PDB file of N, CA and C in Angstrom:
ATOM      1  N   MET A   1       0.815  -1.188   0.000  1.00  0.00           N
ATOM      2  CA  MET A   1       0.000   0.000   0.000  1.00  0.00           C
ATOM      3  C   MET A   1       0.865   1.261   0.000  1.00  0.00           C
ATOM      4  N   ALA A   2       1.925   1.280   0.825  1.00  0.00           N
ATOM      5  CA  ALA A   2       2.799   2.444   0.895  1.00  0.00           C
ATOM      6  C   ALA A   2       3.477   2.706  -0.444  1.00  0.00           C
ATOM      7  N   ALA A   3       3.865   1.640  -1.141  1.00  0.00           N
ATOM      8  CA  ALA A   3       4.516   1.807  -2.450  1.00  0.00           C
ATOM      9  C   ALA A   3       3.544   2.416  -3.451  1.00  0.00           C
ATOM     10  N   LEU A   4       2.301   2.022  -3.407  1.00  0.00           N
ATOM     11  CA  LEU A   4       1.288   2.579  -4.309  1.00  0.00           C
ATOM     12  C   LEU A   4       1.051   4.053  -4.016  1.00  0.00           C
ATOM     13  N   LEU A   5       0.964   4.421  -2.750  1.00  0.00           N
ATOM     14  CA  LEU A   5       0.779   5.820  -2.376  1.00  0.00           C
ATOM     15  C   LEU A   5       1.981   6.670  -2.790  1.00  0.00           C
ATOM     16  N   LEU A   6       3.179   6.137  -2.610  1.00  0.00           N
ATOM     17  CA  LEU A   6       4.385   6.853  -3.018  1.00  0.00           C
ATOM     18  C   LEU A   6       4.401   7.056  -4.529  1.00  0.00           C
ATOM     19  N   TRP A   7       4.032   6.036  -5.279  1.00  0.00           N
ATOM     20  CA  TRP A   7       3.970   6.156  -6.738  1.00  0.00           C
ATOM     21  C   TRP A   7       2.960   7.226  -7.142  1.00  0.00           C
ATOM     22  N   GLU A   8       1.790   7.225  -6.516  1.00  0.00           N
ATOM     23  CA  GLU A   8       0.760   8.218  -6.828  1.00  0.00           C
ATOM     24  C   GLU A   8       1.239   9.631  -6.515  1.00  0.00           C
ATOM     25  N   LEU A   9       1.882   9.811  -5.384  1.00  0.00           N
ATOM     26  CA  LEU A   9       2.421  11.119  -5.021  1.00  0.00           C
ATOM     27  C   LEU A   9       3.479  11.567  -6.024  1.00  0.00           C
ATOM     28  N   THR A  10       4.334  10.668  -6.433  1.00  0.00           N
ATOM     29  CA  THR A  10       5.363  10.986  -7.429  1.00  0.00           C
ATOM     30  C   THR A  10       4.725  11.437  -8.737  1.00  0.00           C
ATOM     31  N   GLN A  11       3.666  10.772  -9.155  1.00  0.00           N
ATOM     32  CA  GLN A  11       2.968  11.156 -10.383  1.00  0.00           C
ATOM     33  C   GLN A  11       2.360  12.552 -10.260  1.00  0.00           C
ATOM     34  N   GLN A  12       1.761  12.850  -9.108  1.00  0.00           N
ATOM     35  CA  GLN A  12       1.192  14.180  -8.886  1.00  0.00           C
ATOM     36  C   GLN A  12       2.281  15.250  -8.928  1.00  0.00           C
ATOM     37  N   LEU A  13       3.420  14.961  -8.333  1.00  0.00           N
ATOM     38  CA  LEU A  13       4.520  15.929  -8.332  1.00  0.00           C
ATOM     39  C   LEU A  13       5.041  16.177  -9.742  1.00  0.00           C
ATOM     40  N   LEU A  14       5.084  15.154 -10.563  1.00  0.00           N
ATOM     41  CA  LEU A  14       5.509  15.331 -11.956  1.00  0.00           C
ATOM     42  C   LEU A  14       4.560  16.248 -12.704  1.00  0.00           C
ATOM     43  N   HIS A  15       3.265  16.120 -12.438  1.00  0.00           N
ATOM     44  CA  HIS A  15       2.264  16.985 -13.071  1.00  0.00           C
ATOM     45  C   HIS A  15       2.372  18.419 -12.564  1.00  0.00           C
ATOM     46  N   LEU A  16       2.764  18.595 -11.323  1.00  0.00           N
ATOM     47  CA  LEU A  16       2.830  19.928 -10.728  1.00  0.00           C
ATOM     48  C   LEU A  16       4.109  20.695 -11.070  1.00  0.00           C
ATOM     49  N   LYS A  17       5.156  20.013 -11.516  1.00  0.00           N
ATOM     50  CA  LYS A  17       6.421  20.700 -11.782  1.00  0.00           C
ATOM     51  C   LYS A  17       6.280  21.840 -12.786  1.00  0.00           C
ATOM     52  N   PRO A  18       5.642  21.660 -13.939  1.00  0.00           N
ATOM     53  CA  PRO A  18       5.504  22.798 -14.857  1.00  0.00           C
ATOM     54  C   PRO A  18       4.679  23.932 -14.252  1.00  0.00           C
ATOM     55  N   ILE A  19       3.723  23.583 -13.413  1.00  0.00           N
ATOM     56  CA  ILE A  19       2.885  24.591 -12.766  1.00  0.00           C
ATOM     57  C   ILE A  19       3.716  25.359 -11.737  1.00  0.00           C
ATOM     58  N   ALA A  20       4.509  24.638 -10.964  1.00  0.00           N
ATOM     59  CA  ALA A  20       5.374  25.288  -9.974  1.00  0.00           C
ATOM     60  C   ALA A  20       6.403  26.182 -10.660  1.00  0.00           C
ATOM     61  N   ASP A  21       6.970  25.714 -11.757  1.00  0.00           N
ATOM     62  CA  ASP A  21       7.948  26.522 -12.497  1.00  0.00           C
ATOM     63  C   ASP A  21       7.305  27.801 -13.030  1.00  0.00           C
ATOM     64  N   ALA A  22       6.098  27.690 -13.572  1.00  0.00           N
ATOM     65  CA  ALA A  22       5.386  28.863 -14.100  1.00  0.00           C
ATOM     66  C   ALA A  22       5.037  29.824 -12.972  1.00  0.00           C
ATOM     67  N   PHE A  23       4.650  29.289 -11.817  1.00  0.00           N
ATOM     68  CA  PHE A  23       4.321  30.148 -10.673  1.00  0.00           C
ATOM     69  C   PHE A  23       5.563  30.923 -10.224  1.00  0.00           C
ATOM     70  N   ARG A  24       6.690  30.225 -10.094  1.00  0.00           N
ATOM     71  CA  ARG A  24       7.933  30.893  -9.677  1.00  0.00           C
ATOM     72  C   ARG A  24       8.321  32.002 -10.656  1.00  0.00           C
ATOM     73  N   ALA A  25       8.167  31.730 -11.943  1.00  0.00           N
ATOM     74  CA  ALA A  25       8.512  32.733 -12.963  1.00  0.00           C
ATOM     75  C   ALA A  25       7.593  33.950 -12.869  1.00  0.00           C
ATOM     76  N   ALA A  26       6.318  33.729 -12.580  1.00  0.00           N
ATOM     77  CA  ALA A  26       5.357  34.839 -12.493  1.00  0.00           C
ATOM     78  C   ALA A  26       5.483  35.618 -11.193  1.00  0.00           C
ATOM     79  N   ASP A  27       5.961  34.972 -10.141  1.00  0.00           N
ATOM     80  CA  ASP A  27       6.078  35.598  -8.820  1.00  0.00           C
ATOM     81  C   ASP A  27       7.364  36.426  -8.751  1.00  0.00           C
ATOM     82  N   SER A  28       7.410  37.492  -9.528  1.00  0.00           N
ATOM     83  CA  SER A  28       8.629  38.295  -9.674  1.00  0.00           C
ATOM     84  C   SER A  28       9.070  38.953  -8.365  1.00  0.00           C
ATOM     85  N   ARG A  29       8.146  39.177  -7.443  1.00  0.00           N
ATOM     86  CA  ARG A  29       8.490  39.791  -6.153  1.00  0.00           C
ATOM     87  C   ARG A  29       8.767  38.756  -5.063  1.00  0.00           C
ATOM     88  N   CYS A  30       8.685  37.481  -5.436  1.00  0.00           N
ATOM     89  CA  CYS A  30       8.948  36.366  -4.498  1.00  0.00           C
ATOM     90  C   CYS A  30       8.110  36.476  -3.227  1.00  0.00           C
ATOM     91  N   GLN A  31       6.829  36.807  -3.381  1.00  0.00           N
ATOM     92  CA  GLN A  31       5.940  36.939  -2.231  1.00  0.00           C
ATOM     93  C   GLN A  31       5.054  35.714  -2.020  1.00  0.00           C
ATOM     94  N   GLY A  32       5.038  34.806  -2.976  1.00  0.00           N
ATOM     95  CA  GLY A  32       4.201  33.623  -2.849  1.00  0.00           C
ATOM     96  C   GLY A  32       2.741  33.881  -3.166  1.00  0.00           C
ATOM     97  N   VAL A  33       2.452  35.062  -3.695  1.00  0.00           N
ATOM     98  CA  VAL A  33       1.089  35.459  -4.039  1.00  0.00           C
ATOM     99  C   VAL A  33       1.132  36.194  -5.376  1.00  0.00           C
ATOM    100  N   LEU A  34       0.240  35.820  -6.276  1.00  0.00           N
ATOM    101  CA  LEU A  34       0.184  36.476  -7.577  1.00  0.00           C
ATOM    102  C   LEU A  34      -0.986  37.442  -7.627  1.00  0.00           C
ATOM    103  N   ASP A  35      -0.705  38.686  -8.038  1.00  0.00           N
ATOM    104  CA  ASP A  35      -1.790  39.619  -8.307  1.00  0.00           C
ATOM    105  C   ASP A  35      -2.296  39.342  -9.730  1.00  0.00           C
ATOM    106  N   LEU A  36      -3.271  40.082 -10.183  1.00  0.00           N
ATOM    107  CA  LEU A  36      -3.885  39.778 -11.482  1.00  0.00           C
ATOM    108  C   LEU A  36      -2.882  39.839 -12.637  1.00  0.00           C
ATOM    109  N   PRO A  37      -2.053  40.884 -12.765  1.00  0.00           N
ATOM    110  CA  PRO A  37      -1.084  40.875 -13.876  1.00  0.00           C
ATOM    111  C   PRO A  37      -0.098  39.697 -13.807  1.00  0.00           C
ATOM    112  N   GLN A  38       0.345  39.358 -12.608  1.00  0.00           N
ATOM    113  CA  GLN A  38       1.245  38.209 -12.461  1.00  0.00           C
ATOM    114  C   GLN A  38       0.521  36.912 -12.803  1.00  0.00           C
ATOM    115  N   PHE A  39      -0.743  36.809 -12.342  1.00  0.00           N
ATOM    116  CA  PHE A  39      -1.521  35.612 -12.624  1.00  0.00           C
ATOM    117  C   PHE A  39      -1.759  35.472 -14.128  1.00  0.00           C
ATOM    118  N   ARG A  40      -1.974  36.590 -14.805  1.00  0.00           N
ATOM    119  CA  ARG A  40      -2.140  36.562 -16.263  1.00  0.00           C
ATOM    120  C   ARG A  40      -0.877  35.978 -16.910  1.00  0.00           C
ATOM    121  N   GLY A  41       0.300  36.427 -16.448  1.00  0.00           N
ATOM    122  CA  GLY A  41       1.554  35.883 -16.970  1.00  0.00           C
ATOM    123  C   GLY A  41       1.700  34.397 -16.686  1.00  0.00           C
ATOM    124  N   PHE A  42       1.292  33.986 -15.490  1.00  0.00           N
ATOM    125  CA  PHE A  42       1.316  32.567 -15.124  1.00  0.00           C
ATOM    126  C   PHE A  42       0.446  31.755 -16.079  1.00  0.00           C
ATOM    127  N   CYS A  43      -0.774  32.216 -16.300  1.00  0.00           N
ATOM    128  CA  CYS A  43      -1.703  31.488 -17.173  1.00  0.00           C
ATOM    129  C   CYS A  43      -1.190  31.433 -18.607  1.00  0.00           C
ATOM    130  N   ARG A  44      -0.668  32.539 -19.096  1.00  0.00           N
ATOM    131  CA  ARG A  44      -0.155  32.584 -20.471  1.00  0.00           C
ATOM    132  C   ARG A  44       1.058  31.678 -20.638  1.00  0.00           C
ATOM    133  N   ARG A  45       1.837  31.543 -19.583  1.00  0.00           N
ATOM    134  CA  ARG A  45       3.001  30.650 -19.650  1.00  0.00           C
ATOM    135  C   ARG A  45       2.549  29.199 -19.800  1.00  0.00           C
ATOM    136  N   LEU A  46       1.435  28.860 -19.157  1.00  0.00           N
ATOM    137  CA  LEU A  46       0.910  27.496 -19.253  1.00  0.00           C
ATOM    138  C   LEU A  46       0.084  27.271 -20.508  1.00  0.00           C
ATOM    139  N   ASN A  47      -0.618  28.321 -20.953  1.00  0.00           N
ATOM    140  CA  ASN A  47      -1.507  28.193 -22.117  1.00  0.00           C
ATOM    141  C   ASN A  47      -1.613  29.550 -22.804  1.00  0.00           C
ATOM    142  N   GLN A  48      -0.846  29.746 -23.849  1.00  0.00           N
ATOM    143  CA  GLN A  48      -0.817  31.036 -24.534  1.00  0.00           C
ATOM    144  C   GLN A  48      -2.154  31.407 -25.156  1.00  0.00           C
ATOM    145  N   ALA A  49      -3.020  30.449 -25.352  1.00  0.00           N
ATOM    146  CA  ALA A  49      -4.308  30.720 -25.989  1.00  0.00           C
ATOM    147  C   ALA A  49      -5.365  31.250 -25.030  1.00  0.00           C
ATOM    148  N   MET A  50      -5.061  31.323 -23.731  1.00  0.00           N
ATOM    149  CA  MET A  50      -6.051  31.817 -22.766  1.00  0.00           C
ATOM    150  C   MET A  50      -6.366  33.282 -23.021  1.00  0.00           C
ATOM    151  N   SER A  51      -7.644  33.586 -23.015  1.00  0.00           N
ATOM    152  CA  SER A  51      -8.070  34.972 -23.202  1.00  0.00           C
ATOM    153  C   SER A  51      -8.029  35.711 -21.867  1.00  0.00           C
ATOM    154  N   ASP A  52      -8.059  37.042 -21.937  1.00  0.00           N
ATOM    155  CA  ASP A  52      -8.106  37.842 -20.710  1.00  0.00           C
ATOM    156  C   ASP A  52      -9.359  37.523 -19.904  1.00  0.00           C
ATOM    157  N   ASP A  53     -10.478  37.284 -20.580  1.00  0.00           N
ATOM    158  CA  ASP A  53     -11.714  36.937 -19.878  1.00  0.00           C
ATOM    159  C   ASP A  53     -11.569  35.632 -19.105  1.00  0.00           C
ATOM    160  N   GLU A  54     -10.948  34.636 -19.723  1.00  0.00           N
ATOM    161  CA  GLU A  54     -10.749  33.357 -19.044  1.00  0.00           C
ATOM    162  C   GLU A  54      -9.848  33.518 -17.821  1.00  0.00           C
ATOM    163  N   VAL A  55      -8.802  34.312 -17.972  1.00  0.00           N
ATOM    164  CA  VAL A  55      -7.891  34.553 -16.847  1.00  0.00           C
ATOM    165  C   VAL A  55      -8.641  35.238 -15.709  1.00  0.00           C
ATOM    166  N   GLN A  56      -9.442  36.239 -16.016  1.00  0.00           N
ATOM    167  CA  GLN A  56     -10.169  36.956 -14.968  1.00  0.00           C
ATOM    168  C   GLN A  56     -11.184  36.067 -14.271  1.00  0.00           C
ATOM    169  N   VAL A  57     -11.838  35.190 -15.013  1.00  0.00           N
ATOM    170  CA  VAL A  57     -12.784  34.261 -14.382  1.00  0.00           C
ATOM    171  C   VAL A  57     -12.044  33.375 -13.386  1.00  0.00           C
ATOM    172  N   LEU A  58     -10.914  32.817 -13.804  1.00  0.00           N
ATOM    173  CA  LEU A  58     -10.138  31.981 -12.883  1.00  0.00           C
ATOM    174  C   LEU A  58      -9.686  32.764 -11.662  1.00  0.00           C
ATOM    175  N   TYR A  59      -9.191  33.954 -11.904  1.00  0.00           N
ATOM    176  CA  TYR A  59      -8.635  34.760 -10.810  1.00  0.00           C
ATOM    177  C   TYR A  59      -9.702  35.167  -9.803  1.00  0.00           C
ATOM    178  N   PHE A  60     -10.752  35.774 -10.287  1.00  0.00           N
ATOM    179  CA  PHE A  60     -11.742  36.344  -9.369  1.00  0.00           C
ATOM    180  C   PHE A  60     -12.740  35.334  -8.842  1.00  0.00           C
ATOM    181  N   GLU A  61     -13.251  34.469  -9.680  1.00  0.00           N
ATOM    182  CA  GLU A  61     -14.348  33.596  -9.255  1.00  0.00           C
ATOM    183  C   GLU A  61     -13.884  32.314  -8.590  1.00  0.00           C
ATOM    184  N   GLU A  62     -12.829  31.708  -9.084  1.00  0.00           N
ATOM    185  CA  GLU A  62     -12.452  30.403  -8.564  1.00  0.00           C
ATOM    186  C   GLU A  62     -11.306  30.454  -7.568  1.00  0.00           C
ATOM    187  N   LEU A  63     -10.266  31.192  -7.873  1.00  0.00           N
ATOM    188  CA  LEU A  63      -9.066  31.126  -7.048  1.00  0.00           C
ATOM    189  C   LEU A  63      -8.995  32.208  -5.988  1.00  0.00           C
ATOM    190  N   ARG A  64      -9.271  33.438  -6.334  1.00  0.00           N
ATOM    191  CA  ARG A  64      -9.114  34.533  -5.374  1.00  0.00           C
ATOM    192  C   ARG A  64     -10.146  34.451  -4.250  1.00  0.00           C
ATOM    193  N   ALA A  65     -11.257  33.792  -4.500  1.00  0.00           N
ATOM    194  CA  ALA A  65     -12.266  33.634  -3.452  1.00  0.00           C
ATOM    195  C   ALA A  65     -11.688  32.896  -2.248  1.00  0.00           C
ATOM    196  N   GLN A  66     -10.661  32.089  -2.465  1.00  0.00           N
ATOM    197  CA  GLN A  66     -10.072  31.319  -1.373  1.00  0.00           C
ATOM    198  C   GLN A  66      -8.870  32.017  -0.746  1.00  0.00           C
ATOM    199  N   ASP A  67      -8.236  32.912  -1.460  1.00  0.00           N
ATOM    200  CA  ASP A  67      -7.047  33.612  -0.963  1.00  0.00           C
ATOM    201  C   ASP A  67      -7.196  35.091  -1.284  1.00  0.00           C
ATOM    202  N   GLN A  68      -7.647  35.858  -0.353  1.00  0.00           N
ATOM    203  CA  GLN A  68      -8.067  37.231  -0.599  1.00  0.00           C
ATOM    204  C   GLN A  68      -6.977  38.178  -1.082  1.00  0.00           C
ATOM    205  N   GLU A  69      -5.713  37.951  -0.728  1.00  0.00           N
ATOM    206  CA  GLU A  69      -4.657  38.882  -1.144  1.00  0.00           C
ATOM    207  C   GLU A  69      -4.212  38.638  -2.574  1.00  0.00           C
ATOM    208  N   GLY A  70      -4.557  37.546  -3.135  1.00  0.00           N
ATOM    209  CA  GLY A  70      -4.137  37.165  -4.471  1.00  0.00           C
ATOM    210  C   GLY A  70      -4.187  35.656  -4.580  1.00  0.00           C
ATOM    211  N   VAL A  71      -3.555  35.143  -5.589  1.00  0.00           N
ATOM    212  CA  VAL A  71      -3.591  33.708  -5.831  1.00  0.00           C
ATOM    213  C   VAL A  71      -2.288  33.079  -5.337  1.00  0.00           C
ATOM    214  N   THR A  72      -2.411  32.115  -4.462  1.00  0.00           N
ATOM    215  CA  THR A  72      -1.249  31.393  -3.960  1.00  0.00           C
ATOM    216  C   THR A  72      -1.089  30.090  -4.733  1.00  0.00           C
ATOM    217  N   PHE A  73       0.073  29.490  -4.605  1.00  0.00           N
ATOM    218  CA  PHE A  73       0.306  28.194  -5.235  1.00  0.00           C
ATOM    219  C   PHE A  73      -0.640  27.147  -4.652  1.00  0.00           C
ATOM    220  N   THR A  74      -0.908  27.247  -3.364  1.00  0.00           N
ATOM    221  CA  THR A  74      -1.836  26.316  -2.716  1.00  0.00           C
ATOM    222  C   THR A  74      -3.228  26.401  -3.339  1.00  0.00           C
ATOM    223  N   ALA A  75      -3.696  27.621  -3.609  1.00  0.00           N
ATOM    224  CA  ALA A  75      -5.019  27.792  -4.227  1.00  0.00           C
ATOM    225  C   ALA A  75      -5.038  27.196  -5.622  1.00  0.00           C
ATOM    226  N   ILE A  76      -3.950  27.365  -6.353  1.00  0.00           N
ATOM    227  CA  ILE A  76      -3.874  26.783  -7.696  1.00  0.00           C
ATOM    228  C   ILE A  76      -3.917  25.267  -7.609  1.00  0.00           C
ATOM    229  N   CYS A  77      -3.179  24.703  -6.672  1.00  0.00           N
ATOM    230  CA  CYS A  77      -3.185  23.240  -6.504  1.00  0.00           C
ATOM    231  C   CYS A  77      -4.569  22.735  -6.124  1.00  0.00           C
ATOM    232  N   ARG A  78      -5.250  23.435  -5.225  1.00  0.00           N
ATOM    233  CA  ARG A  78      -6.609  23.029  -4.837  1.00  0.00           C
ATOM    234  C   ARG A  78      -7.525  23.014  -6.045  1.00  0.00           C
ATOM    235  N   ALA A  79      -7.348  23.981  -6.944  1.00  0.00           N
ATOM    236  CA  ALA A  79      -8.200  24.058  -8.121  1.00  0.00           C
ATOM    237  C   ALA A  79      -7.832  23.006  -9.166  1.00  0.00           C
ATOM    238  N   LEU A  80      -6.553  22.692  -9.289  1.00  0.00           N
ATOM    239  CA  LEU A  80      -6.104  21.785 -10.353  1.00  0.00           C
ATOM    240  C   LEU A  80      -6.073  20.318  -9.985  1.00  0.00           C
ATOM    241  N   LEU A  81      -5.745  19.996  -8.759  1.00  0.00           N
ATOM    242  CA  LEU A  81      -5.574  18.587  -8.401  1.00  0.00           C
ATOM    243  C   LEU A  81      -6.802  17.723  -8.646  1.00  0.00           C
ATOM    244  N   PRO A  82      -8.020  18.205  -8.373  1.00  0.00           N
ATOM    245  CA  PRO A  82      -9.164  17.340  -8.693  1.00  0.00           C
ATOM    246  C   PRO A  82      -9.255  16.990 -10.185  1.00  0.00           C
ATOM    247  N   ALA A  83      -8.739  17.846 -11.042  1.00  0.00           N
ATOM    248  CA  ALA A  83      -8.792  17.606 -12.484  1.00  0.00           C
ATOM    249  C   ALA A  83      -7.669  16.679 -12.946  1.00  0.00           C
ATOM    250  N   MET A  84      -6.674  16.444 -12.106  1.00  0.00           N
ATOM    251  CA  MET A  84      -5.537  15.623 -12.513  1.00  0.00           C
ATOM    252  C   MET A  84      -5.879  14.206 -12.249  1.00  0.00           C
TER     253      MET A  84
END
């Protein structure tokens, strides 16, 4: 059982690496929180085809509702992990 859980965790971490890299690149002030312009850069780094409307929906309706100062990596993981 432990080996299966470790394998699953390793797979999740592999999926999160590009997301973590994009977050670090967007977090130019190294505060661990992305404001809307930084979040836009994060989203564009992951998917250049995202529109400004799509970015704003993610920022305001889904992610920022959980982290009032901006979007944290934890909030992004909470939003993405169920889809992985």
